[in-house]
Amino acid sequence: MEELNCETVFTLPVLGGISESVVVTWIIMAVLVVLSIVLTRNLRVENPGKVQLALEAGISWAQDFFEGIIGKENRGYTPYLITILIYLGVANTIALFGFKPPTKDLNVTAALAVMSMFVIEFSGIRKNGVVHWVKHFAKPVPIVAPIMVLEVVIRPLSLCMRLFGNMLAGFVVLELLKVFVPLIIPIPVSFYFDIFDGLLQAYVFVFLTAIFMTEEME
């Protein structure tokens, strides 16, 4: 519980106490921005380097993947989904560098889920209009309207708790192994939870967000 608690790192006059998860998120944002500037400052159309080819291959794969779910006509949402995927991929594996993953903070996963909720509902409104969006809550019969409204809250809640629950479960299992078999076993298990499981949860989060968007737009 002590490890999971988000300690206050410092206090600002207006914002008040700044938690550890927020500071780590700021660090991730700064690193990603710097890397984006460094890796894209010498892009070339002819004779691109290996780094540029790798970046283009990764971005092309992500764009094709998300466009295959939400459709090419909705490719405007792809940058958001790719950004969330990259952030979660780094945030879930940052324990390898000695930082506490911000996704162990329920507030962080809840904030991401709320952001996705707004994007999901906005995609439906933008695609079909406000009137159609309101009417769809009463389909197929008006009596289901309360359930359909509740679904708007359930979607982000499921995204939030799935991400937080898996990160928490992996951390608890790893800590138990460190107590009972502290020498060899925790090393490969740590790589599984810190790398594979972390990247898997990032993939699942954005995949479900894309699926919910598709359902909403339909």
C-alpha atoms as a PDB file:
ATOM      1  CA  MET A   1       0.000   0.000   0.000  1.00  0.00           C
ATOM      2  CA  GLU A   2       2.885   2.349   0.716  1.00  0.00           C
ATOM      3  CA  GLU A   3       4.278   1.753  -2.770  1.00  0.00           C
ATOM      4  CA  LEU A   4       0.892   2.367  -4.394  1.00  0.00           C
ATOM      5  CA  ASN A   5       0.213   5.617  -2.549  1.00  0.00           C
ATOM      6  CA  CYS A   6       0.899   8.725  -4.633  1.00  0.00           C
ATOM      7  CA  GLU A   7       3.193  10.882  -2.565  1.00  0.00           C
ATOM      8  CA  THR A   8       3.143  14.665  -2.869  1.00  0.00           C
ATOM      9  CA  VAL A   9       6.425  15.637  -4.503  1.00  0.00           C
ATOM     10  CA  PHE A  10       6.135  19.410  -4.118  1.00  0.00           C
ATOM     11  CA  THR A  11       3.556  22.136  -3.638  1.00  0.00           C
ATOM     12  CA  LEU A  12       2.708  25.059  -5.905  1.00  0.00           C
ATOM     13  CA  PRO A  13       0.925  28.208  -4.677  1.00  0.00           C
ATOM     14  CA  VAL A  14      -2.020  27.889  -7.057  1.00  0.00           C
ATOM     15  CA  LEU A  15      -2.145  24.185  -7.882  1.00  0.00           C
ATOM     16  CA  GLY A  16      -1.430  22.913  -4.388  1.00  0.00           C
ATOM     17  CA  GLY A  17       0.215  19.522  -3.860  1.00  0.00           C
ATOM     18  CA  ILE A  18       1.642  17.842  -6.972  1.00  0.00           C
ATOM     19  CA  SER A  19       1.571  14.046  -6.755  1.00  0.00           C
ATOM     20  CA  GLU A  20       4.302  11.688  -7.917  1.00  0.00           C
ATOM     21  CA  SER A  21       2.167  10.319 -10.755  1.00  0.00           C
ATOM     22  CA  VAL A  22       1.746  13.821 -12.192  1.00  0.00           C
ATOM     23  CA  VAL A  23       5.479  14.514 -12.018  1.00  0.00           C
ATOM     24  CA  VAL A  24       6.312  11.219 -13.726  1.00  0.00           C
ATOM     25  CA  THR A  25       3.730  12.026 -16.412  1.00  0.00           C
ATOM     26  CA  TRP A  26       5.403  15.405 -16.953  1.00  0.00           C
ATOM     27  CA  ILE A  27       8.745  13.613 -17.335  1.00  0.00           C
ATOM     28  CA  ILE A  28       7.255  11.202 -19.873  1.00  0.00           C
ATOM     29  CA  MET A  29       5.719  14.090 -21.818  1.00  0.00           C
ATOM     30  CA  ALA A  30       9.000  16.008 -21.847  1.00  0.00           C
ATOM     31  CA  VAL A  31      10.995  12.982 -23.006  1.00  0.00           C
ATOM     32  CA  LEU A  32       8.503  12.163 -25.760  1.00  0.00           C
ATOM     33  CA  VAL A  33       8.465  15.770 -26.993  1.00  0.00           C
ATOM     34  CA  VAL A  34      12.267  15.953 -27.067  1.00  0.00           C
ATOM     35  CA  LEU A  35      12.522  12.593 -28.840  1.00  0.00           C
ATOM     36  CA  SER A  36       9.892  13.697 -31.366  1.00  0.00           C
ATOM     37  CA  ILE A  37      11.892  16.824 -32.168  1.00  0.00           C
ATOM     38  CA  VAL A  38      15.236  15.022 -32.347  1.00  0.00           C
ATOM     39  CA  LEU A  39      14.010  12.073 -34.418  1.00  0.00           C
ATOM     40  CA  THR A  40      12.068  14.146 -36.943  1.00  0.00           C
ATOM     41  CA  ARG A  41      14.329  17.152 -37.507  1.00  0.00           C
ATOM     42  CA  ASN A  42      16.247  15.603 -40.424  1.00  0.00           C
ATOM     43  CA  LEU A  43      13.492  13.826 -42.344  1.00  0.00           C
ATOM     44  CA  ARG A  44      14.253  13.240 -46.015  1.00  0.00           C
ATOM     45  CA  VAL A  45      12.165  12.220 -48.988  1.00  0.00           C
ATOM     46  CA  GLU A  46      15.104  10.627 -50.767  1.00  0.00           C
ATOM     47  CA  ASN A  47      17.545   8.188 -49.159  1.00  0.00           C
ATOM     48  CA  PRO A  48      15.906   8.164 -45.690  1.00  0.00           C
ATOM     49  CA  GLY A  49      17.936   6.804 -42.824  1.00  0.00           C
ATOM     50  CA  LYS A  50      17.231   3.660 -40.819  1.00  0.00           C
ATOM     51  CA  VAL A  51      15.707   5.643 -37.952  1.00  0.00           C
ATOM     52  CA  GLN A  52      13.315   7.435 -40.305  1.00  0.00           C
ATOM     53  CA  LEU A  53      12.345   4.154 -41.969  1.00  0.00           C
ATOM     54  CA  ALA A  54      11.671   2.574 -38.577  1.00  0.00           C
ATOM     55  CA  LEU A  55       9.552   5.555 -37.481  1.00  0.00           C
ATOM     56  CA  GLU A  56       7.585   5.553 -40.721  1.00  0.00           C
ATOM     57  CA  ALA A  57       7.000   1.813 -40.457  1.00  0.00           C
ATOM     58  CA  GLY A  58       5.739   2.148 -36.876  1.00  0.00           C
ATOM     59  CA  ILE A  59       3.450   5.086 -37.620  1.00  0.00           C
ATOM     60  CA  SER A  60       2.149   3.442 -40.802  1.00  0.00           C
ATOM     61  CA  TRP A  61       1.336   0.261 -38.890  1.00  0.00           C
ATOM     62  CA  ALA A  62      -0.506   2.203 -36.184  1.00  0.00           C
ATOM     63  CA  GLN A  63      -2.445   4.259 -38.738  1.00  0.00           C
ATOM     64  CA  ASP A  64      -3.443   1.164 -40.730  1.00  0.00           C
ATOM     65  CA  PHE A  65      -4.413  -0.667 -37.540  1.00  0.00           C
ATOM     66  CA  PHE A  66      -6.703   2.070 -36.222  1.00  0.00           C
ATOM     67  CA  GLU A  67      -8.111   2.956 -39.642  1.00  0.00           C
ATOM     68  CA  GLY A  68      -9.007  -0.715 -40.013  1.00  0.00           C
ATOM     69  CA  ILE A  69     -11.166  -0.376 -36.893  1.00  0.00           C
ATOM     70  CA  ILE A  70     -12.692   3.095 -37.166  1.00  0.00           C
ATOM     71  CA  GLY A  71     -12.515   3.438 -40.951  1.00  0.00           C
ATOM     72  CA  LYS A  72     -10.386   5.635 -43.194  1.00  0.00           C
ATOM     73  CA  GLU A  73     -13.068   8.321 -43.223  1.00  0.00           C
ATOM     74  CA  ASN A  74     -12.473   8.766 -39.479  1.00  0.00           C
ATOM     75  CA  ARG A  75      -8.670   8.920 -39.635  1.00  0.00           C
ATOM     76  CA  GLY A  76      -8.770  12.281 -37.832  1.00  0.00           C
ATOM     77  CA  TYR A  77      -9.011  10.390 -34.533  1.00  0.00           C
ATOM     78  CA  THR A  78      -5.913   8.313 -35.259  1.00  0.00           C
ATOM     79  CA  PRO A  79      -3.378  10.825 -33.809  1.00  0.00           C
ATOM     80  CA  TYR A  80      -5.227  10.775 -30.461  1.00  0.00           C
ATOM     81  CA  LEU A  81      -5.251   6.974 -30.346  1.00  0.00           C
ATOM     82  CA  ILE A  82      -1.564   6.747 -31.303  1.00  0.00           C
ATOM     83  CA  THR A  83      -0.643   9.368 -28.680  1.00  0.00           C
ATOM     84  CA  ILE A  84      -2.476   7.473 -25.938  1.00  0.00           C
ATOM     85  CA  LEU A  85      -0.871   4.214 -27.089  1.00  0.00           C
ATOM     86  CA  ILE A  86       2.639   5.702 -26.911  1.00  0.00           C
ATOM     87  CA  TYR A  87       2.017   7.358 -23.540  1.00  0.00           C
ATOM     88  CA  LEU A  88       0.599   4.193 -21.968  1.00  0.00           C
ATOM     89  CA  GLY A  89       3.350   2.064 -23.465  1.00  0.00           C
ATOM     90  CA  VAL A  90       5.988   4.272 -21.828  1.00  0.00           C
ATOM     91  CA  ALA A  91       4.032   4.807 -18.590  1.00  0.00           C
ATOM     92  CA  ASN A  92       3.416   1.091 -18.049  1.00  0.00           C
ATOM     93  CA  THR A  93       7.066   0.148 -18.612  1.00  0.00           C
ATOM     94  CA  ILE A  94       8.776   3.094 -16.928  1.00  0.00           C
ATOM     95  CA  ALA A  95       9.429   0.984 -13.821  1.00  0.00           C
ATOM     96  CA  LEU A  96      12.420  -0.415 -15.734  1.00  0.00           C
ATOM     97  CA  PHE A  97      14.044   3.010 -15.289  1.00  0.00           C
ATOM     98  CA  GLY A  98      13.334   3.230 -11.564  1.00  0.00           C
ATOM     99  CA  PHE A  99      10.151   5.322 -11.728  1.00  0.00           C
ATOM    100  CA  LYS A 100       6.760   4.404 -10.330  1.00  0.00           C
ATOM    101  CA  PRO A 101       4.302   3.877 -13.223  1.00  0.00           C
ATOM    102  CA  PRO A 102       1.688   6.653 -13.122  1.00  0.00           C
ATOM    103  CA  THR A 103      -0.964   4.106 -14.145  1.00  0.00           C
ATOM    104  CA  LYS A 104      -0.759   2.689 -10.623  1.00  0.00           C
ATOM    105  CA  ASP A 105      -2.609   5.854  -9.633  1.00  0.00           C
ATOM    106  CA  LEU A 106      -6.360   5.401 -10.069  1.00  0.00           C
ATOM    107  CA  ASN A 107      -6.674   9.133 -10.773  1.00  0.00           C
ATOM    108  CA  VAL A 108      -4.463   8.790 -13.864  1.00  0.00           C
ATOM    109  CA  THR A 109      -6.381   5.852 -15.326  1.00  0.00           C
ATOM    110  CA  ALA A 110      -9.672   7.612 -14.534  1.00  0.00           C
ATOM    111  CA  ALA A 111      -8.493  10.782 -16.311  1.00  0.00           C
ATOM    112  CA  LEU A 112      -7.506   8.776 -19.394  1.00  0.00           C
ATOM    113  CA  ALA A 113     -10.864   6.997 -19.352  1.00  0.00           C
ATOM    114  CA  VAL A 114     -12.779  10.283 -19.086  1.00  0.00           C
ATOM    115  CA  MET A 115     -10.784  11.711 -22.002  1.00  0.00           C
ATOM    116  CA  SER A 116     -11.641   8.644 -24.071  1.00  0.00           C
ATOM    117  CA  MET A 117     -15.297   8.925 -23.034  1.00  0.00           C
ATOM    118  CA  PHE A 118     -15.494  12.473 -24.422  1.00  0.00           C
ATOM    119  CA  VAL A 119     -13.767  11.416 -27.651  1.00  0.00           C
ATOM    120  CA  ILE A 120     -16.108   8.420 -28.021  1.00  0.00           C
ATOM    121  CA  GLU A 121     -19.272  10.474 -27.507  1.00  0.00           C
ATOM    122  CA  PHE A 122     -17.947  13.348 -29.651  1.00  0.00           C
ATOM    123  CA  SER A 123     -17.254  10.947 -32.509  1.00  0.00           C
ATOM    124  CA  GLY A 124     -20.864   9.784 -32.438  1.00  0.00           C
ATOM    125  CA  ILE A 125     -22.245  13.340 -32.320  1.00  0.00           C
ATOM    126  CA  ARG A 126     -19.930  14.535 -35.109  1.00  0.00           C
ATOM    127  CA  LYS A 127     -20.779  11.556 -37.298  1.00  0.00           C
ATOM    128  CA  ASN A 128     -24.567  11.456 -36.885  1.00  0.00           C
ATOM    129  CA  GLY A 129     -25.578  14.784 -35.339  1.00  0.00           C
ATOM    130  CA  VAL A 130     -26.903  15.724 -31.905  1.00  0.00           C
ATOM    131  CA  VAL A 131     -30.507  14.700 -32.636  1.00  0.00           C
ATOM    132  CA  HIS A 132     -29.538  11.196 -33.753  1.00  0.00           C
ATOM    133  CA  TRP A 133     -27.172  10.879 -30.790  1.00  0.00           C
ATOM    134  CA  VAL A 134     -29.984  11.713 -28.366  1.00  0.00           C
ATOM    135  CA  LYS A 135     -32.481   9.427 -30.113  1.00  0.00           C
ATOM    136  CA  HIS A 136     -30.169   6.426 -30.092  1.00  0.00           C
ATOM    137  CA  PHE A 137     -30.516   6.196 -26.315  1.00  0.00           C
ATOM    138  CA  ALA A 138     -34.160   5.156 -26.827  1.00  0.00           C
ATOM    139  CA  LYS A 139     -33.435   2.396 -29.346  1.00  0.00           C
ATOM    140  CA  PRO A 140     -34.734  -0.230 -29.867  1.00  0.00           C
ATOM    141  CA  VAL A 141     -37.442   0.768 -27.354  1.00  0.00           C
ATOM    142  CA  PRO A 142     -37.649   3.859 -25.098  1.00  0.00           C
ATOM    143  CA  ILE A 143     -37.695   1.738 -21.942  1.00  0.00           C
ATOM    144  CA  VAL A 144     -33.993   0.921 -22.390  1.00  0.00           C
ATOM    145  CA  ALA A 145     -33.004   4.611 -22.298  1.00  0.00           C
ATOM    146  CA  PRO A 146     -31.742   4.527 -18.669  1.00  0.00           C
ATOM    147  CA  ILE A 147     -29.534   1.533 -19.488  1.00  0.00           C
ATOM    148  CA  MET A 148     -28.155   3.230 -22.589  1.00  0.00           C
ATOM    149  CA  VAL A 149     -27.364   6.375 -20.603  1.00  0.00           C
ATOM    150  CA  LEU A 150     -25.688   4.244 -17.955  1.00  0.00           C
ATOM    151  CA  GLU A 151     -23.537   2.691 -20.666  1.00  0.00           C
ATOM    152  CA  VAL A 152     -21.934   6.096 -21.285  1.00  0.00           C
ATOM    153  CA  VAL A 153     -20.537   5.889 -17.736  1.00  0.00           C
ATOM    154  CA  ILE A 154     -19.821   2.155 -17.786  1.00  0.00           C
ATOM    155  CA  ARG A 155     -17.520   2.362 -20.819  1.00  0.00           C
ATOM    156  CA  PRO A 156     -14.929   4.707 -19.286  1.00  0.00           C
ATOM    157  CA  LEU A 157     -15.298   2.951 -15.928  1.00  0.00           C
ATOM    158  CA  SER A 158     -14.446  -0.383 -17.532  1.00  0.00           C
ATOM    159  CA  LEU A 159     -11.445   1.154 -19.307  1.00  0.00           C
ATOM    160  CA  CYS A 160     -10.268   2.762 -16.074  1.00  0.00           C
ATOM    161  CA  MET A 161     -10.648  -0.256 -13.805  1.00  0.00           C
ATOM    162  CA  ARG A 162      -9.258  -2.723 -16.362  1.00  0.00           C
ATOM    163  CA  LEU A 163      -6.048  -0.749 -16.764  1.00  0.00           C
ATOM    164  CA  PHE A 164      -5.648   0.043 -13.063  1.00  0.00           C
ATOM    165  CA  GLY A 165      -6.608  -3.482 -11.964  1.00  0.00           C
ATOM    166  CA  ASN A 166      -4.109  -5.183 -14.254  1.00  0.00           C
ATOM    167  CA  MET A 167      -1.281  -2.847 -13.247  1.00  0.00           C
ATOM    168  CA  LEU A 168      -2.130  -3.358  -9.571  1.00  0.00           C
ATOM    169  CA  ALA A 169      -2.363  -7.139  -9.936  1.00  0.00           C
ATOM    170  CA  GLY A 170       0.994  -7.358 -11.686  1.00  0.00           C
ATOM    171  CA  PHE A 171       2.622  -5.214  -8.999  1.00  0.00           C
ATOM    172  CA  VAL A 172       1.164  -7.305  -6.146  1.00  0.00           C
ATOM    173  CA  VAL A 173       2.249 -10.607  -7.727  1.00  0.00           C
ATOM    174  CA  LEU A 174       5.761  -9.270  -8.291  1.00  0.00           C
ATOM    175  CA  GLU A 175       6.070  -7.992  -4.724  1.00  0.00           C
ATOM    176  CA  LEU A 176       4.918 -11.357  -3.331  1.00  0.00           C
ATOM    177  CA  LEU A 177       7.511 -13.170  -5.424  1.00  0.00           C
ATOM    178  CA  LYS A 178      10.218 -10.810  -4.162  1.00  0.00           C
ATOM    179  CA  VAL A 179       9.286 -11.753  -0.597  1.00  0.00           C
ATOM    180  CA  PHE A 180       9.095 -15.545  -0.996  1.00  0.00           C
ATOM    181  CA  VAL A 181      11.632 -16.195  -3.794  1.00  0.00           C
ATOM    182  CA  PRO A 182      13.786 -13.077  -3.837  1.00  0.00           C
ATOM    183  CA  LEU A 183      16.754 -14.263  -5.930  1.00  0.00           C
ATOM    184  CA  ILE A 184      16.029 -15.628  -9.407  1.00  0.00           C
ATOM    185  CA  ILE A 185      12.324 -15.940 -10.194  1.00  0.00           C
ATOM    186  CA  PRO A 186      11.375 -12.228  -9.862  1.00  0.00           C
ATOM    187  CA  ILE A 187      13.760 -11.244 -12.683  1.00  0.00           C
ATOM    188  CA  PRO A 188      11.940 -12.914 -15.638  1.00  0.00           C
ATOM    189  CA  VAL A 189       8.568 -12.262 -14.001  1.00  0.00           C
ATOM    190  CA  SER A 190       9.515  -8.596 -13.661  1.00  0.00           C
ATOM    191  CA  PHE A 191      10.288  -8.425 -17.374  1.00  0.00           C
ATOM    192  CA  TYR A 192       6.897 -10.001 -18.099  1.00  0.00           C
ATOM    193  CA  PHE A 193       4.868  -7.581 -15.985  1.00  0.00           C
ATOM    194  CA  ASP A 194       6.988  -4.483 -16.678  1.00  0.00           C
ATOM    195  CA  ILE A 195       7.301  -4.993 -20.437  1.00  0.00           C
ATOM    196  CA  PHE A 196       4.894  -7.513 -21.957  1.00  0.00           C
ATOM    197  CA  ASP A 197       1.928  -6.931 -19.674  1.00  0.00           C
ATOM    198  CA  GLY A 198       2.473  -3.159 -19.669  1.00  0.00           C
ATOM    199  CA  LEU A 199       2.503  -2.967 -23.461  1.00  0.00           C
ATOM    200  CA  LEU A 200      -0.438  -5.367 -23.651  1.00  0.00           C
ATOM    201  CA  GLN A 201      -2.558  -3.162 -21.378  1.00  0.00           C
ATOM    202  CA  ALA A 202      -1.690  -0.102 -23.478  1.00  0.00           C
ATOM    203  CA  TYR A 203      -2.821  -1.992 -26.582  1.00  0.00           C
ATOM    204  CA  VAL A 204      -6.054  -3.189 -24.946  1.00  0.00           C
ATOM    205  CA  PHE A 205      -6.928   0.331 -23.732  1.00  0.00           C
ATOM    206  CA  VAL A 206      -6.654   1.999 -27.141  1.00  0.00           C
ATOM    207  CA  PHE A 207      -8.150  -1.007 -28.935  1.00  0.00           C
ATOM    208  CA  LEU A 208     -11.290  -0.888 -26.790  1.00  0.00           C
ATOM    209  CA  THR A 209     -11.454   2.899 -27.184  1.00  0.00           C
ATOM    210  CA  ALA A 210     -11.387   2.476 -30.969  1.00  0.00           C
ATOM    211  CA  ILE A 211     -14.044  -0.247 -30.793  1.00  0.00           C
ATOM    212  CA  PHE A 212     -16.320   1.945 -28.637  1.00  0.00           C
ATOM    213  CA  MET A 213     -15.830   4.816 -31.087  1.00  0.00           C
ATOM    214  CA  THR A 214     -16.835   2.590 -33.982  1.00  0.00           C
ATOM    215  CA  GLU A 215     -19.959   1.432 -32.153  1.00  0.00           C
ATOM    216  CA  GLU A 216     -20.876   5.017 -31.292  1.00  0.00           C
ATOM    217  CA  MET A 217     -20.437   6.228 -34.852  1.00  0.00           C
ATOM    218  CA  GLU A 218     -22.539   3.369 -36.177  1.00  0.00           C
END
